[in-house]
Every structure is written in C-alpha cells, then in structure tokens.
Amino acid sequence: MAGTLSDLQIEVLKTLWDHGEGTVADVQERLKPERDLATTTVATLLARLVRRGVVARRRGEGRTYVYRAAVPEDEVRRSMVGALMDRLFAGDPAALVHHLVEDQDLDEATRKRLIERLRRAAEEDA
C-alpha cells in the first residue's frame, strides 16, 4: 500500500480526493498558489503515485491522461499512521496514544473527545 508519502504527494492526492479526477494540468492548477510546480514535476509525481498503486489513470482526450485516487483517504491515513507507529513507537499503539495525550498541548475538549473515542472502541471490542 502507500507506506509513507511525502507532503507533496499527499497534496496531489488531496486534489484528486476533493475533485474526483483530473489531468496533469488540472492538478497543477489546483496546487497553486501554494505550490507553483512545473508541469513536468506534477507529471512525475503522478507517475510515481501510479507506480505505487495509490493513483490510477486512464486515457483522456488526445494524448492526455486523467488521474484519480485509487485508494480512499482513510486507507492512506491508516497506512501512514501504521508506518509512523512502527518506526517511532515500536508498533505499540498505546505508546502512540500516550504520546498524544501526555506530550502534546491538548485542550480539555480534545482530550475528552479522545477519551470518549477510546471508551467507545473498548465497548465495541467487549
């Protein structure tokens, strides 16, 4: 699956998730003005994402390709969080949650939401 993706690759994928599909030119335009990338750069990014299996392409008009995300956003998120957990927390989800709760400046509302989600997950497992 996705493993880890660069910030730029994620931005490209977000344009496809948000808009369904697009050509190289479409993706390039959607990334502006934050990312003013050359057409060749966007084409290379998309080609690499196709090779990784996270983007699919089909022939459009003429010689253009139309790209779309081949995997849903939550699947990419799950894969990347799993890779992060493996690398930084030895695959231990409790250590990741502990880090989020103890080492981050979470406001009370966020902390309560996190606790509530953990409570619901525990109830579902019971």
N, C-alpha and C. Protein backbone atom coordinates (compact mmCIF):
# COMPACT_ATOMS: atom_id res chain seq x y z
N MET A 1 0.84 -1.20 0.00
CA MET A 1 0.00 0.00 0.00
C MET A 1 0.87 1.23 0.00
N ALA A 2 0.36 2.29 0.53
CA ALA A 2 1.01 3.58 0.42
C ALA A 2 2.30 3.70 1.22
N GLY A 3 2.39 3.03 2.38
CA GLY A 3 3.56 3.24 3.22
C GLY A 3 3.61 4.69 3.63
N THR A 4 4.72 5.33 3.37
CA THR A 4 4.79 6.76 3.66
C THR A 4 4.83 7.53 2.36
N LEU A 5 4.16 8.64 2.37
CA LEU A 5 4.12 9.54 1.22
C LEU A 5 4.67 10.89 1.65
N SER A 6 5.27 11.59 0.72
CA SER A 6 5.77 12.93 1.02
C SER A 6 4.61 13.90 1.16
N ASP A 7 4.88 15.04 1.75
CA ASP A 7 3.85 16.08 1.89
C ASP A 7 3.29 16.46 0.53
N LEU A 8 4.16 16.58 -0.46
CA LEU A 8 3.72 16.97 -1.80
C LEU A 8 2.86 15.88 -2.43
N GLN A 9 3.23 14.63 -2.25
CA GLN A 9 2.41 13.53 -2.78
C GLN A 9 1.03 13.53 -2.13
N ILE A 10 0.98 13.81 -0.84
CA ILE A 10 -0.31 13.89 -0.16
C ILE A 10 -1.14 15.05 -0.70
N GLU A 11 -0.51 16.18 -0.95
CA GLU A 11 -1.24 17.32 -1.52
C GLU A 11 -1.83 16.96 -2.88
N VAL A 12 -1.06 16.26 -3.70
CA VAL A 12 -1.56 15.82 -5.01
C VAL A 12 -2.76 14.89 -4.83
N LEU A 13 -2.63 13.93 -3.93
CA LEU A 13 -3.74 13.02 -3.66
C LEU A 13 -4.97 13.77 -3.17
N LYS A 14 -4.79 14.76 -2.31
CA LYS A 14 -5.93 15.53 -1.80
C LYS A 14 -6.68 16.21 -2.93
N THR A 15 -5.98 16.70 -3.94
CA THR A 15 -6.69 17.32 -5.06
C THR A 15 -7.55 16.29 -5.78
N LEU A 16 -7.06 15.07 -5.87
CA LEU A 16 -7.84 14.02 -6.52
C LEU A 16 -9.00 13.57 -5.65
N TRP A 17 -8.78 13.46 -4.34
CA TRP A 17 -9.89 13.10 -3.45
C TRP A 17 -10.97 14.18 -3.48
N ASP A 18 -10.55 15.44 -3.50
CA ASP A 18 -11.50 16.55 -3.46
C ASP A 18 -12.27 16.74 -4.77
N HIS A 19 -11.61 16.44 -5.89
CA HIS A 19 -12.21 16.74 -7.19
C HIS A 19 -12.55 15.49 -8.01
N GLY A 20 -12.24 14.32 -7.49
CA GLY A 20 -12.58 13.09 -8.20
C GLY A 20 -11.52 12.63 -9.17
N GLU A 21 -11.16 13.50 -10.09
CA GLU A 21 -10.12 13.15 -11.06
C GLU A 21 -9.61 14.42 -11.71
N GLY A 22 -8.56 14.28 -12.51
CA GLY A 22 -8.02 15.43 -13.21
C GLY A 22 -6.80 15.09 -14.02
N THR A 23 -6.49 15.95 -14.95
CA THR A 23 -5.29 15.81 -15.77
C THR A 23 -4.10 16.42 -15.02
N VAL A 24 -2.94 16.28 -15.59
CA VAL A 24 -1.75 16.91 -15.00
C VAL A 24 -1.99 18.41 -14.84
N ALA A 25 -2.54 19.04 -15.89
CA ALA A 25 -2.79 20.48 -15.83
C ALA A 25 -3.81 20.84 -14.75
N ASP A 26 -4.83 20.01 -14.58
CA ASP A 26 -5.83 20.24 -13.53
C ASP A 26 -5.17 20.21 -12.15
N VAL A 27 -4.39 19.18 -11.91
CA VAL A 27 -3.73 19.03 -10.62
C VAL A 27 -2.77 20.19 -10.39
N GLN A 28 -2.01 20.54 -11.41
CA GLN A 28 -1.06 21.65 -11.31
C GLN A 28 -1.80 22.94 -10.91
N GLU A 29 -2.92 23.22 -11.53
CA GLU A 29 -3.69 24.43 -11.25
C GLU A 29 -4.26 24.40 -9.83
N ARG A 30 -4.72 23.24 -9.38
CA ARG A 30 -5.32 23.12 -8.05
C ARG A 30 -4.29 23.30 -6.93
N LEU A 31 -3.03 23.04 -7.24
CA LEU A 31 -1.97 23.18 -6.24
C LEU A 31 -1.52 24.63 -6.07
N LYS A 32 -1.88 25.49 -7.04
CA LYS A 32 -1.50 26.91 -6.96
C LYS A 32 -2.40 27.63 -5.98
N PRO A 33 -2.02 28.70 -5.39
CA PRO A 33 -0.72 29.36 -5.48
C PRO A 33 0.30 28.83 -4.48
N GLU A 34 -0.13 27.93 -3.57
CA GLU A 34 0.80 27.42 -2.55
C GLU A 34 1.99 26.70 -3.18
N ARG A 35 1.73 25.96 -4.22
CA ARG A 35 2.79 25.20 -4.91
C ARG A 35 2.77 25.55 -6.37
N ASP A 36 3.72 26.30 -6.81
CA ASP A 36 3.82 26.67 -8.22
C ASP A 36 4.81 25.71 -8.88
N LEU A 37 4.29 24.56 -9.30
CA LEU A 37 5.13 23.49 -9.81
C LEU A 37 5.11 23.43 -11.33
N ALA A 38 6.21 23.02 -11.90
CA ALA A 38 6.28 22.82 -13.34
C ALA A 38 5.40 21.63 -13.74
N THR A 39 4.92 21.68 -14.95
CA THR A 39 4.09 20.59 -15.47
C THR A 39 4.82 19.26 -15.37
N THR A 40 6.10 19.26 -15.70
CA THR A 40 6.87 18.01 -15.66
C THR A 40 6.97 17.47 -14.23
N THR A 41 7.05 18.35 -13.25
CA THR A 41 7.11 17.91 -11.85
C THR A 41 5.81 17.23 -11.45
N VAL A 42 4.68 17.83 -11.81
CA VAL A 42 3.38 17.25 -11.49
C VAL A 42 3.22 15.91 -12.21
N ALA A 43 3.63 15.86 -13.47
CA ALA A 43 3.52 14.61 -14.23
C ALA A 43 4.37 13.51 -13.58
N THR A 44 5.56 13.85 -13.13
CA THR A 44 6.44 12.88 -12.46
C THR A 44 5.83 12.41 -11.15
N LEU A 45 5.28 13.34 -10.36
CA LEU A 45 4.62 12.97 -9.11
C LEU A 45 3.48 11.99 -9.37
N LEU A 46 2.64 12.30 -10.34
CA LEU A 46 1.51 11.43 -10.66
C LEU A 46 1.98 10.06 -11.15
N ALA A 47 3.00 10.05 -11.99
CA ALA A 47 3.52 8.77 -12.49
C ALA A 47 4.04 7.90 -11.34
N ARG A 48 4.72 8.52 -10.38
CA ARG A 48 5.22 7.76 -9.22
C ARG A 48 4.08 7.23 -8.37
N LEU A 49 3.04 8.04 -8.21
CA LEU A 49 1.88 7.59 -7.44
C LEU A 49 1.15 6.46 -8.15
N VAL A 50 1.13 6.50 -9.48
CA VAL A 50 0.55 5.39 -10.26
C VAL A 50 1.35 4.12 -10.01
N ARG A 51 2.69 4.22 -10.07
CA ARG A 51 3.55 3.05 -9.84
C ARG A 51 3.36 2.47 -8.44
N ARG A 52 3.08 3.32 -7.47
CA ARG A 52 2.86 2.86 -6.09
C ARG A 52 1.46 2.30 -5.89
N GLY A 53 0.59 2.49 -6.88
CA GLY A 53 -0.75 1.93 -6.78
C GLY A 53 -1.76 2.78 -6.05
N VAL A 54 -1.40 4.02 -5.70
CA VAL A 54 -2.35 4.87 -4.98
C VAL A 54 -3.12 5.80 -5.91
N VAL A 55 -2.67 5.89 -7.15
CA VAL A 55 -3.36 6.67 -8.19
C VAL A 55 -3.52 5.78 -9.41
N ALA A 56 -4.66 5.92 -10.08
CA ALA A 56 -4.92 5.20 -11.33
C ALA A 56 -5.06 6.23 -12.45
N ARG A 57 -4.84 5.79 -13.68
CA ARG A 57 -5.00 6.71 -14.80
C ARG A 57 -5.72 6.02 -15.95
N ARG A 58 -6.35 6.86 -16.76
CA ARG A 58 -7.00 6.38 -17.98
C ARG A 58 -6.71 7.40 -19.08
N ARG A 59 -6.85 6.96 -20.31
CA ARG A 59 -6.66 7.87 -21.43
C ARG A 59 -7.78 8.90 -21.48
N GLY A 60 -7.41 10.14 -21.62
CA GLY A 60 -8.38 11.20 -21.81
C GLY A 60 -8.44 11.56 -23.28
N GLU A 61 -8.66 12.82 -23.54
CA GLU A 61 -8.69 13.28 -24.94
C GLU A 61 -7.27 13.43 -25.45
N GLY A 62 -7.06 13.04 -26.68
CA GLY A 62 -5.73 13.16 -27.28
C GLY A 62 -4.72 12.30 -26.56
N ARG A 63 -3.61 12.92 -26.21
CA ARG A 63 -2.54 12.18 -25.55
C ARG A 63 -2.52 12.36 -24.04
N THR A 64 -3.54 12.98 -23.49
CA THR A 64 -3.56 13.25 -22.06
C THR A 64 -4.08 12.04 -21.28
N TYR A 65 -3.67 11.98 -20.04
CA TYR A 65 -4.19 11.01 -19.10
C TYR A 65 -5.06 11.74 -18.08
N VAL A 66 -6.05 11.04 -17.58
CA VAL A 66 -6.88 11.54 -16.49
C VAL A 66 -6.59 10.66 -15.28
N TYR A 67 -6.27 11.31 -14.17
CA TYR A 67 -5.86 10.60 -12.96
C TYR A 67 -6.96 10.66 -11.91
N ARG A 68 -7.01 9.61 -11.08
CA ARG A 68 -7.93 9.57 -9.95
C ARG A 68 -7.25 8.79 -8.83
N ALA A 69 -7.65 9.08 -7.61
CA ALA A 69 -7.11 8.34 -6.47
C ALA A 69 -7.60 6.90 -6.56
N ALA A 70 -6.70 5.95 -6.37
CA ALA A 70 -7.05 4.53 -6.44
C ALA A 70 -7.33 3.96 -5.05
N VAL A 71 -7.03 4.72 -4.03
CA VAL A 71 -7.29 4.28 -2.66
C VAL A 71 -7.97 5.42 -1.91
N PRO A 72 -8.85 5.08 -0.97
CA PRO A 72 -9.52 6.13 -0.22
C PRO A 72 -8.58 6.80 0.78
N GLU A 73 -8.94 8.02 1.14
CA GLU A 73 -8.12 8.81 2.05
C GLU A 73 -7.89 8.10 3.38
N ASP A 74 -8.91 7.48 3.95
CA ASP A 74 -8.75 6.82 5.25
C ASP A 74 -7.78 5.65 5.17
N GLU A 75 -7.70 4.98 4.02
CA GLU A 75 -6.75 3.87 3.87
C GLU A 75 -5.31 4.39 3.85
N VAL A 76 -5.09 5.51 3.18
CA VAL A 76 -3.75 6.12 3.16
C VAL A 76 -3.38 6.59 4.56
N ARG A 77 -4.32 7.23 5.22
CA ARG A 77 -4.08 7.71 6.59
C ARG A 77 -3.72 6.54 7.50
N ARG A 78 -4.49 5.46 7.43
CA ARG A 78 -4.25 4.28 8.27
C ARG A 78 -2.86 3.70 7.99
N SER A 79 -2.49 3.61 6.72
CA SER A 79 -1.20 3.07 6.35
C SER A 79 -0.05 3.93 6.86
N MET A 80 -0.21 5.24 6.71
CA MET A 80 0.86 6.15 7.15
C MET A 80 0.98 6.21 8.66
N VAL A 81 -0.14 6.18 9.37
CA VAL A 81 -0.09 6.17 10.84
C VAL A 81 0.53 4.85 11.30
N GLY A 82 0.19 3.76 10.64
CA GLY A 82 0.79 2.47 10.99
C GLY A 82 2.30 2.48 10.79
N ALA A 83 2.76 3.07 9.69
CA ALA A 83 4.20 3.15 9.44
C ALA A 83 4.89 4.03 10.48
N LEU A 84 4.25 5.15 10.84
CA LEU A 84 4.78 6.04 11.87
C LEU A 84 4.84 5.31 13.21
N MET A 85 3.79 4.60 13.55
CA MET A 85 3.74 3.87 14.81
C MET A 85 4.85 2.81 14.85
N ASP A 86 5.04 2.11 13.74
CA ASP A 86 6.09 1.10 13.69
C ASP A 86 7.48 1.72 13.88
N ARG A 87 7.73 2.83 13.18
CA ARG A 87 9.05 3.46 13.22
C ARG A 87 9.34 4.14 14.56
N LEU A 88 8.38 4.88 15.09
CA LEU A 88 8.66 5.70 16.26
C LEU A 88 8.21 5.10 17.59
N PHE A 89 7.27 4.15 17.53
CA PHE A 89 6.71 3.62 18.78
C PHE A 89 6.77 2.09 18.81
N ALA A 90 7.67 1.51 18.04
CA ALA A 90 7.88 0.05 18.02
C ALA A 90 6.58 -0.72 17.82
N GLY A 91 5.67 -0.14 17.04
CA GLY A 91 4.41 -0.81 16.73
C GLY A 91 3.40 -0.82 17.88
N ASP A 92 3.66 -0.04 18.91
CA ASP A 92 2.81 -0.06 20.11
C ASP A 92 1.80 1.09 20.06
N PRO A 93 0.52 0.79 19.77
CA PRO A 93 -0.48 1.85 19.70
C PRO A 93 -0.67 2.58 21.02
N ALA A 94 -0.50 1.88 22.14
CA ALA A 94 -0.64 2.53 23.45
C ALA A 94 0.43 3.61 23.64
N ALA A 95 1.64 3.34 23.16
CA ALA A 95 2.71 4.33 23.26
C ALA A 95 2.39 5.56 22.41
N LEU A 96 1.81 5.35 21.24
CA LEU A 96 1.41 6.47 20.39
C LEU A 96 0.33 7.30 21.07
N VAL A 97 -0.69 6.65 21.62
CA VAL A 97 -1.77 7.37 22.30
C VAL A 97 -1.21 8.10 23.52
N HIS A 98 -0.34 7.44 24.26
CA HIS A 98 0.27 8.09 25.43
C HIS A 98 1.00 9.35 25.00
N HIS A 99 1.74 9.27 23.92
CA HIS A 99 2.45 10.44 23.41
C HIS A 99 1.47 11.55 23.06
N LEU A 100 0.40 11.21 22.40
CA LEU A 100 -0.59 12.22 22.01
C LEU A 100 -1.23 12.88 23.22
N VAL A 101 -1.53 12.08 24.23
CA VAL A 101 -2.22 12.61 25.41
C VAL A 101 -1.27 13.35 26.34
N GLU A 102 -0.11 12.79 26.59
CA GLU A 102 0.80 13.35 27.59
C GLU A 102 1.77 14.40 27.05
N ASP A 103 2.25 14.21 25.85
CA ASP A 103 3.32 15.06 25.35
C ASP A 103 2.87 16.19 24.44
N GLN A 104 1.60 16.29 24.17
CA GLN A 104 1.08 17.33 23.30
C GLN A 104 0.24 18.30 24.12
N ASP A 105 0.14 19.53 23.65
CA ASP A 105 -0.71 20.51 24.30
C ASP A 105 -2.14 20.34 23.81
N LEU A 106 -2.84 19.39 24.40
CA LEU A 106 -4.23 19.15 24.03
C LEU A 106 -5.13 19.96 24.95
N ASP A 107 -6.09 20.65 24.35
CA ASP A 107 -7.05 21.34 25.20
C ASP A 107 -7.99 20.31 25.81
N GLU A 108 -8.73 20.73 26.81
CA GLU A 108 -9.60 19.81 27.54
C GLU A 108 -10.64 19.15 26.64
N ALA A 109 -11.22 19.90 25.71
CA ALA A 109 -12.25 19.35 24.82
C ALA A 109 -11.66 18.25 23.93
N THR A 110 -10.47 18.46 23.41
CA THR A 110 -9.82 17.46 22.57
C THR A 110 -9.49 16.22 23.38
N ARG A 111 -8.99 16.41 24.58
CA ARG A 111 -8.66 15.28 25.45
C ARG A 111 -9.91 14.46 25.76
N LYS A 112 -11.04 15.14 26.04
CA LYS A 112 -12.29 14.45 26.33
C LYS A 112 -12.78 13.66 25.11
N ARG A 113 -12.65 14.24 23.90
CA ARG A 113 -13.05 13.53 22.68
C ARG A 113 -12.21 12.28 22.50
N LEU A 114 -10.93 12.39 22.74
CA LEU A 114 -10.04 11.24 22.62
C LEU A 114 -10.42 10.15 23.62
N ILE A 115 -10.66 10.53 24.85
CA ILE A 115 -11.06 9.56 25.87
C ILE A 115 -12.38 8.89 25.49
N GLU A 116 -13.32 9.68 24.98
CA GLU A 116 -14.62 9.13 24.58
C GLU A 116 -14.46 8.13 23.43
N ARG A 117 -13.61 8.44 22.46
CA ARG A 117 -13.38 7.51 21.35
C ARG A 117 -12.75 6.21 21.85
N LEU A 118 -11.82 6.32 22.77
CA LEU A 118 -11.19 5.12 23.32
C LEU A 118 -12.22 4.30 24.10
N ARG A 119 -13.10 4.96 24.85
CA ARG A 119 -14.15 4.26 25.61
C ARG A 119 -15.08 3.51 24.67
N ARG A 120 -15.49 4.19 23.57
CA ARG A 120 -16.39 3.53 22.60
C ARG A 120 -15.71 2.35 21.93
N ALA A 121 -14.45 2.50 21.59
CA ALA A 121 -13.71 1.39 20.97
C ALA A 121 -13.62 0.21 21.91
N ALA A 122 -13.41 0.47 23.19
CA ALA A 122 -13.33 -0.61 24.18
C ALA A 122 -14.68 -1.30 24.30
N GLU A 123 -15.76 -0.55 24.27
CA GLU A 123 -17.10 -1.14 24.35
C GLU A 123 -17.39 -2.01 23.13
N GLU A 124 -16.95 -1.58 21.97
CA GLU A 124 -17.17 -2.35 20.75
C GLU A 124 -16.40 -3.65 20.77
N ASP A 125 -15.23 -3.64 21.39
CA ASP A 125 -14.41 -4.85 21.48
C ASP A 125 -14.93 -5.83 22.52
N ALA A 126 -15.70 -5.33 23.47
CA ALA A 126 -16.18 -6.19 24.56
C ALA A 126 -17.29 -7.11 24.13
